[in-house]
Protein backbone atom coordinates (compact mmCIF):
# COMPACT_ATOMS: atom_id res chain seq x y z
CA UNK A 1 0.00 0.00 0.00
CA UNK A 2 3.05 2.31 0.07
CA UNK A 3 2.96 5.70 1.78
CA UNK A 4 -0.84 5.55 1.92
CA UNK A 5 -1.00 2.40 4.02
CA UNK A 6 -1.66 4.42 7.18
CA UNK A 7 -4.89 5.85 5.78
CA UNK A 8 -7.91 3.94 7.07
CA UNK A 9 -10.42 6.37 5.57
CA UNK A 10 -10.25 9.08 2.93
CA UNK A 11 -12.17 12.20 3.93
CA UNK A 12 -14.25 13.81 1.23
CA UNK A 13 -13.51 17.50 1.37
CA UNK A 14 -14.72 18.68 -2.02
CA UNK A 15 -17.98 20.17 -0.72
CA UNK A 16 -19.58 21.18 2.54
CA UNK A 17 -22.33 18.56 2.26
CA UNK A 18 -19.68 15.85 2.27
CA UNK A 19 -17.82 17.20 5.30
CA UNK A 20 -18.71 14.28 7.57
CA UNK A 21 -18.42 11.47 5.05
CA UNK A 22 -15.34 9.32 4.69
CA UNK A 23 -14.54 6.66 2.15
CA UNK A 24 -13.12 3.46 3.60
CA UNK A 25 -9.72 2.67 2.15
CA UNK A 26 -8.34 -0.77 1.45
CA UNK A 27 -6.83 -2.27 4.64
CA UNK A 28 -3.30 -3.62 4.83
CA UNK A 29 -4.56 -7.17 4.41
CA UNK A 30 -6.70 -6.24 1.38
CA UNK A 31 -5.94 -6.71 -2.28
CA UNK A 32 -2.73 -5.00 -3.42
CA UNK A 33 -3.41 -2.22 -5.91
CA UNK A 34 -0.78 -3.55 -8.32
CA UNK A 35 -1.39 -7.00 -9.80
CA UNK A 36 1.93 -8.82 -10.20
CA UNK A 37 0.52 -11.30 -12.71
CA UNK A 38 -1.18 -8.79 -15.01
CA UNK A 39 0.62 -8.48 -18.34
CA UNK A 40 -1.36 -5.74 -20.13
CA UNK A 41 0.41 -2.39 -20.31
CA UNK A 42 -0.01 1.02 -21.89
CA UNK A 43 2.30 1.97 -24.78
CA UNK A 44 5.52 3.53 -23.51
CA UNK A 45 5.11 6.65 -25.67
CA UNK A 46 2.18 7.93 -23.61
CA UNK A 47 3.06 10.84 -21.33
CA UNK A 48 0.96 10.54 -18.15
CA UNK A 49 1.29 13.13 -15.40
CA UNK A 50 2.72 11.41 -12.31
CA UNK A 51 3.57 14.50 -10.28
CA UNK A 52 0.40 16.50 -9.60
CA UNK A 53 -1.72 15.86 -6.54
CA UNK A 54 -4.67 13.76 -7.71
CA UNK A 55 -7.08 14.13 -4.80
CA UNK A 56 -9.23 17.23 -5.28
CA UNK A 57 -8.38 17.56 -8.98
CA UNK A 58 -12.08 17.44 -9.99
CA UNK A 59 -14.84 19.94 -9.29
CA UNK A 60 -17.56 18.74 -6.90
CA UNK A 61 -20.42 17.03 -8.75
CA UNK A 62 -23.61 15.16 -7.86
CA UNK A 63 -25.09 13.63 -11.01
CA UNK A 64 -23.86 12.36 -14.36
CA UNK A 65 -26.12 12.15 -17.41
CA UNK A 66 -25.02 9.80 -20.19
CA UNK A 67 -26.32 10.28 -23.73
CA UNK A 68 -26.51 7.03 -25.72
CA UNK A 69 -24.63 7.47 -29.02
CA UNK A 70 -23.12 4.03 -29.69
CA UNK A 71 -19.77 5.69 -30.39
CA UNK A 72 -16.37 5.62 -28.69
CA UNK A 73 -15.06 8.97 -29.92
CA UNK A 74 -16.81 12.25 -30.57
CA UNK A 75 -16.35 15.79 -31.86
CA UNK A 76 -14.24 18.06 -29.68
CA UNK A 77 -17.02 19.66 -27.62
CA UNK A 78 -20.44 18.46 -26.46
CA UNK A 79 -22.29 20.96 -28.64
CA UNK A 80 -20.12 19.98 -31.63
CA UNK A 81 -21.43 16.40 -31.76
CA UNK A 82 -24.34 17.26 -34.05
CA UNK A 83 -25.88 13.79 -34.08
CA UNK A 84 -26.18 13.72 -30.27
CA UNK A 85 -28.54 15.24 -27.72
CA UNK A 86 -25.39 16.69 -26.16
CA UNK A 87 -26.05 19.62 -28.51
CA UNK A 88 -29.10 20.47 -26.39
CA UNK A 89 -27.69 19.32 -23.06
CA UNK A 90 -24.17 20.71 -23.44
CA UNK A 91 -25.22 24.16 -22.21
CA UNK A 92 -28.15 22.94 -20.09
CA UNK A 93 -28.29 23.42 -16.33
CA UNK A 94 -30.95 22.03 -13.96
CA UNK A 95 -33.97 24.15 -13.13
CA UNK A 96 -33.53 23.00 -9.55
CA UNK A 97 -30.19 24.54 -8.64
CA UNK A 98 -30.07 22.62 -5.35
CA UNK A 99 -29.12 19.38 -7.13
CA UNK A 100 -25.54 20.57 -7.57
CA UNK A 101 -23.25 20.13 -10.52
CA UNK A 102 -24.40 17.75 -13.24
CA UNK A 103 -21.91 16.31 -15.73
CA UNK A 104 -23.22 15.51 -19.21
CA UNK A 105 -21.28 13.05 -21.37
CA UNK A 106 -21.74 11.32 -24.67
CA UNK A 107 -21.40 7.58 -24.18
CA UNK A 108 -20.96 4.28 -25.96
CA UNK A 109 -24.35 3.08 -24.71
CA UNK A 110 -26.20 1.64 -27.69
CA UNK A 111 -29.00 3.90 -28.98
CA UNK A 112 -32.37 2.43 -30.06
CA UNK A 113 -32.68 0.47 -33.33
CA UNK A 114 -32.89 2.74 -36.37
CA UNK A 115 -31.07 5.60 -34.64
CA UNK A 116 -28.25 5.78 -37.17
CA UNK A 117 -30.57 5.45 -40.15
CA UNK A 118 -32.75 8.38 -39.05
CA UNK A 119 -31.61 11.63 -40.63
CA UNK A 120 -34.36 13.95 -39.40
CA UNK A 121 -33.01 15.38 -36.14
CA UNK A 122 -36.35 15.66 -34.33
CA UNK A 123 -37.14 12.03 -35.18
CA UNK A 124 -33.76 10.87 -33.86
CA UNK A 125 -34.67 9.64 -30.38
CA UNK A 126 -32.22 8.07 -27.97
CA UNK A 127 -31.65 7.11 -24.34
CA UNK A 128 -30.40 9.02 -21.29
CA UNK A 129 -28.99 7.33 -18.19
CA UNK A 130 -28.63 9.27 -14.92
CA UNK A 131 -26.02 8.23 -12.37
CA UNK A 132 -25.80 7.34 -9.54
CA UNK A 133 -29.60 6.94 -9.38
CA UNK A 134 -29.41 4.65 -12.45
CA UNK A 135 -32.64 6.02 -13.89
CA UNK A 136 -33.03 5.49 -17.62
CA UNK A 137 -35.18 7.52 -20.01
CA UNK A 138 -35.89 6.05 -23.46
CA UNK A 139 -37.30 7.91 -26.45
CA UNK A 140 -35.75 11.32 -25.79
CA UNK A 141 -35.68 13.77 -28.71
CA UNK A 142 -33.93 17.07 -29.30
CA UNK A 143 -37.09 19.02 -28.42
CA UNK A 144 -37.68 17.10 -25.17
CA UNK A 145 -34.10 16.63 -23.96
CA UNK A 146 -34.06 19.52 -21.49
CA UNK A 147 -37.53 18.76 -20.12
CA UNK A 148 -36.63 15.11 -19.61
CA UNK A 149 -33.32 16.01 -17.98
CA UNK A 150 -35.08 18.40 -15.56
CA UNK A 151 -37.61 15.70 -14.76
CA UNK A 152 -34.88 13.16 -14.09
CA UNK A 153 -33.29 15.56 -11.61
CA UNK A 154 -36.43 15.38 -9.47
CA UNK A 155 -35.71 11.71 -8.76
CA UNK A 156 -33.41 11.94 -5.76
CA UNK A 157 -32.99 8.24 -5.02
CA UNK A 158 -33.68 4.92 -6.75
CA UNK A 159 -36.54 4.09 -4.40
CA UNK A 160 -38.53 7.18 -5.39
CA UNK A 161 -41.78 6.46 -7.21
CA UNK A 162 -41.10 6.79 -10.92
CA UNK A 163 -43.52 8.38 -13.35
CA UNK A 164 -44.30 6.31 -16.42
CA UNK A 165 -43.01 9.07 -18.67
CA UNK A 166 -41.25 12.44 -18.72
CA UNK A 167 -42.16 14.54 -21.78
CA UNK A 168 -43.00 11.37 -23.69
CA UNK A 169 -39.87 9.46 -22.65
CA UNK A 170 -40.29 6.11 -20.89
CA UNK A 171 -38.62 6.05 -17.47
CA UNK A 172 -37.30 3.01 -15.59
CA UNK A 173 -34.71 2.03 -12.99
CA UNK A 174 -31.66 -0.01 -14.00
CA UNK A 175 -30.79 -2.55 -11.34
CA UNK A 176 -27.02 -2.42 -11.74
CA UNK A 177 -24.64 -3.07 -8.87
CA UNK A 178 -22.40 -0.40 -10.34
CA UNK A 179 -21.64 1.38 -13.60
CA UNK A 180 -18.06 1.95 -14.77
CA UNK A 181 -17.15 4.83 -17.07
CA UNK A 182 -13.85 5.27 -18.91
CA UNK A 183 -12.96 8.41 -20.85
CA UNK A 184 -12.13 7.38 -24.43
CA UNK A 185 -12.30 10.81 -26.09
CA UNK A 186 -9.37 10.53 -28.49
CA UNK A 187 -10.33 13.67 -30.42
CA UNK A 188 -9.72 15.67 -27.25
CA UNK A 189 -6.53 13.83 -26.27
CA UNK A 190 -5.04 10.62 -27.59
CA UNK A 191 -4.03 9.48 -24.09
CA UNK A 192 -7.62 8.66 -23.20
CA UNK A 193 -8.26 7.26 -26.66
CA UNK A 194 -5.34 4.85 -26.32
CA UNK A 195 -5.75 3.85 -22.68
CA UNK A 196 -9.53 3.38 -22.59
CA UNK A 197 -9.84 0.22 -24.76
CA UNK A 198 -7.01 -1.44 -22.84
CA UNK A 199 -8.63 -0.67 -19.49
CA UNK A 200 -12.07 -1.75 -20.66
CA UNK A 201 -10.76 -5.13 -21.75
CA UNK A 202 -8.98 -5.67 -18.43
CA UNK A 203 -11.90 -4.51 -16.30
CA UNK A 204 -14.37 -6.65 -18.22
CA UNK A 205 -12.15 -9.70 -17.88
CA UNK A 206 -12.09 -9.29 -14.10
CA UNK A 207 -15.82 -8.55 -13.89
CA UNK A 208 -16.53 -11.66 -15.95
CA UNK A 209 -14.59 -13.79 -13.47
CA UNK A 210 -17.05 -12.66 -10.77
CA UNK A 211 -20.11 -13.14 -13.01
CA UNK A 212 -20.75 -9.39 -12.93
CA UNK A 213 -20.12 -8.26 -16.49
CA UNK A 214 -23.15 -6.88 -18.31
CA UNK A 215 -23.50 -5.56 -21.84
CA UNK A 216 -26.13 -4.71 -24.44
CA UNK A 217 -27.09 -8.39 -24.73
CA UNK A 218 -27.21 -9.10 -20.99
CA UNK A 219 -29.13 -6.63 -18.85
CA UNK A 220 -29.78 -8.77 -15.78
CA UNK A 221 -29.89 -6.84 -12.50
CA UNK A 222 -26.97 -6.94 -10.09
CA UNK A 223 -24.23 -6.59 -12.70
CA UNK A 224 -21.74 -4.01 -13.88
CA UNK A 225 -21.63 -2.55 -17.42
CA UNK A 226 -18.55 -0.67 -18.62
CA UNK A 227 -19.07 2.31 -20.94
CA UNK A 228 -16.84 4.71 -22.81
CA UNK A 229 -17.60 8.41 -22.27
CA UNK A 230 -16.54 11.72 -23.72
CA UNK A 231 -14.26 14.30 -22.09
CA UNK A 232 -14.57 14.51 -18.30
CA UNK A 233 -11.44 16.55 -17.65
CA UNK A 234 -7.86 15.71 -16.74
CA UNK A 235 -6.63 13.82 -19.79
CA UNK A 236 -3.11 14.11 -18.45
CA UNK A 237 -4.22 11.76 -15.66
CA UNK A 238 -5.32 8.98 -18.03
CA UNK A 239 -6.79 6.50 -17.52
CA UNK A 240 -9.75 8.34 -16.08
CA UNK A 241 -12.25 5.91 -14.54
CA UNK A 242 -15.46 6.81 -12.71
CA UNK A 243 -17.47 4.23 -10.78
CA UNK A 244 -21.07 4.85 -9.71
CA UNK A 245 -22.42 2.40 -7.15
CA UNK A 246 -26.04 1.59 -6.43
CA UNK A 247 -25.43 2.69 -2.85
CA UNK A 248 -25.04 6.28 -4.05
CA UNK A 249 -21.30 6.78 -4.36
CA UNK A 250 -19.47 8.43 -7.21
CA UNK A 251 -15.79 7.41 -7.20
CA UNK A 252 -13.44 9.15 -9.63
CA UNK A 253 -9.98 7.73 -10.22
CA UNK A 254 -7.01 8.82 -12.31
CA UNK A 255 -3.75 7.30 -13.51
CA UNK A 256 -5.54 3.95 -13.63
CA UNK A 257 -3.47 1.28 -15.37
CA UNK A 258 -4.31 -2.29 -16.42
CA UNK A 259 -2.39 -3.61 -13.42
CA UNK A 260 -4.93 -1.85 -11.14
CA UNK A 261 -8.09 -3.35 -12.64
CA UNK A 262 -8.21 -6.56 -10.62
CA UNK A 263 -7.96 -4.61 -7.36
CA UNK A 264 -10.53 -2.03 -8.46
CA UNK A 265 -13.07 -4.79 -9.15
CA UNK A 266 -12.38 -6.78 -6.00
CA UNK A 267 -12.04 -3.89 -3.56
CA UNK A 268 -13.79 -0.79 -4.91
CA UNK A 269 -16.70 -2.34 -6.81
CA UNK A 270 -17.31 -5.32 -4.53
CA UNK A 271 -16.23 -3.92 -1.15
CA UNK A 272 -16.65 -0.16 -1.56
CA UNK A 273 -13.06 0.48 -0.48
CA UNK A 274 -10.71 2.81 -2.35
CA UNK A 275 -7.03 3.33 -3.02
CA UNK A 276 -5.95 6.91 -2.14
CA UNK A 277 -3.07 6.65 -4.62
CA UNK A 278 -5.44 6.86 -7.58
CA UNK A 279 -8.35 8.90 -6.17
CA UNK A 280 -9.32 12.20 -7.82
CA UNK A 281 -12.69 12.86 -6.14
CA UNK A 282 -15.82 11.27 -4.71
CA UNK A 283 -19.25 11.88 -3.25
CA UNK A 284 -21.88 10.00 -1.31
CA UNK A 285 -25.58 10.60 -2.02
CA UNK A 286 -27.93 11.22 0.90
CA UNK A 287 -30.08 8.11 0.47
């Protein structure tokens, strides 16, 4: 565990509402962060920042909205991806300002059938997924995107009663144990574009060993899907990995390497314990 082995908890200090919450760290007898038997590595030409302080390198946030695009790379900015609802949501902010900061990302989540064949923008409907509540809205169009997003922000916890629809979009709860996001936005910075596929393969291999891996063909509850997302900030800290757990935590890590994936699955996803060495930020929802 290195110089961090004396830390039993990691205090969240990114916002006043988190002042009394601590994240449990991996104990000395827990899984070592570095896997000695893992052989996957990043290419040596990648320049990853190893000097900056990681903890506190992200702005406080409370929700993350994913836009289903079925892609792994996107135009430079959210509003530049003309085929995505990120055009409408890129400059959107919640009507209810008390919800805190909301991150909007394009994602590799598969859009509905016929999405790519539809050329008329208003007819091009897709899916939004809100984390960490794991509430999904299907059938969202460019004209309803903001209304649906505002409606989704009124759902404070997964156990809240869900309406059947928001502005014509069908709403449901996804029963995932956790959702893993990896920045793969190569157009913004090749470091994330190169590291993301390697990390995804390694994470999925370890999730599969525990029977937890889920994908577009397997949506059983209690599993963990892994999605690519667009720019979240801090490309120099690639790989950028964010884990949202069904217990309300958002856990943001940086400098994640393939040799860390086994430990992340076994300790952070399964046990809720973190490694301070790779932590950038976190929050705990008031559920």
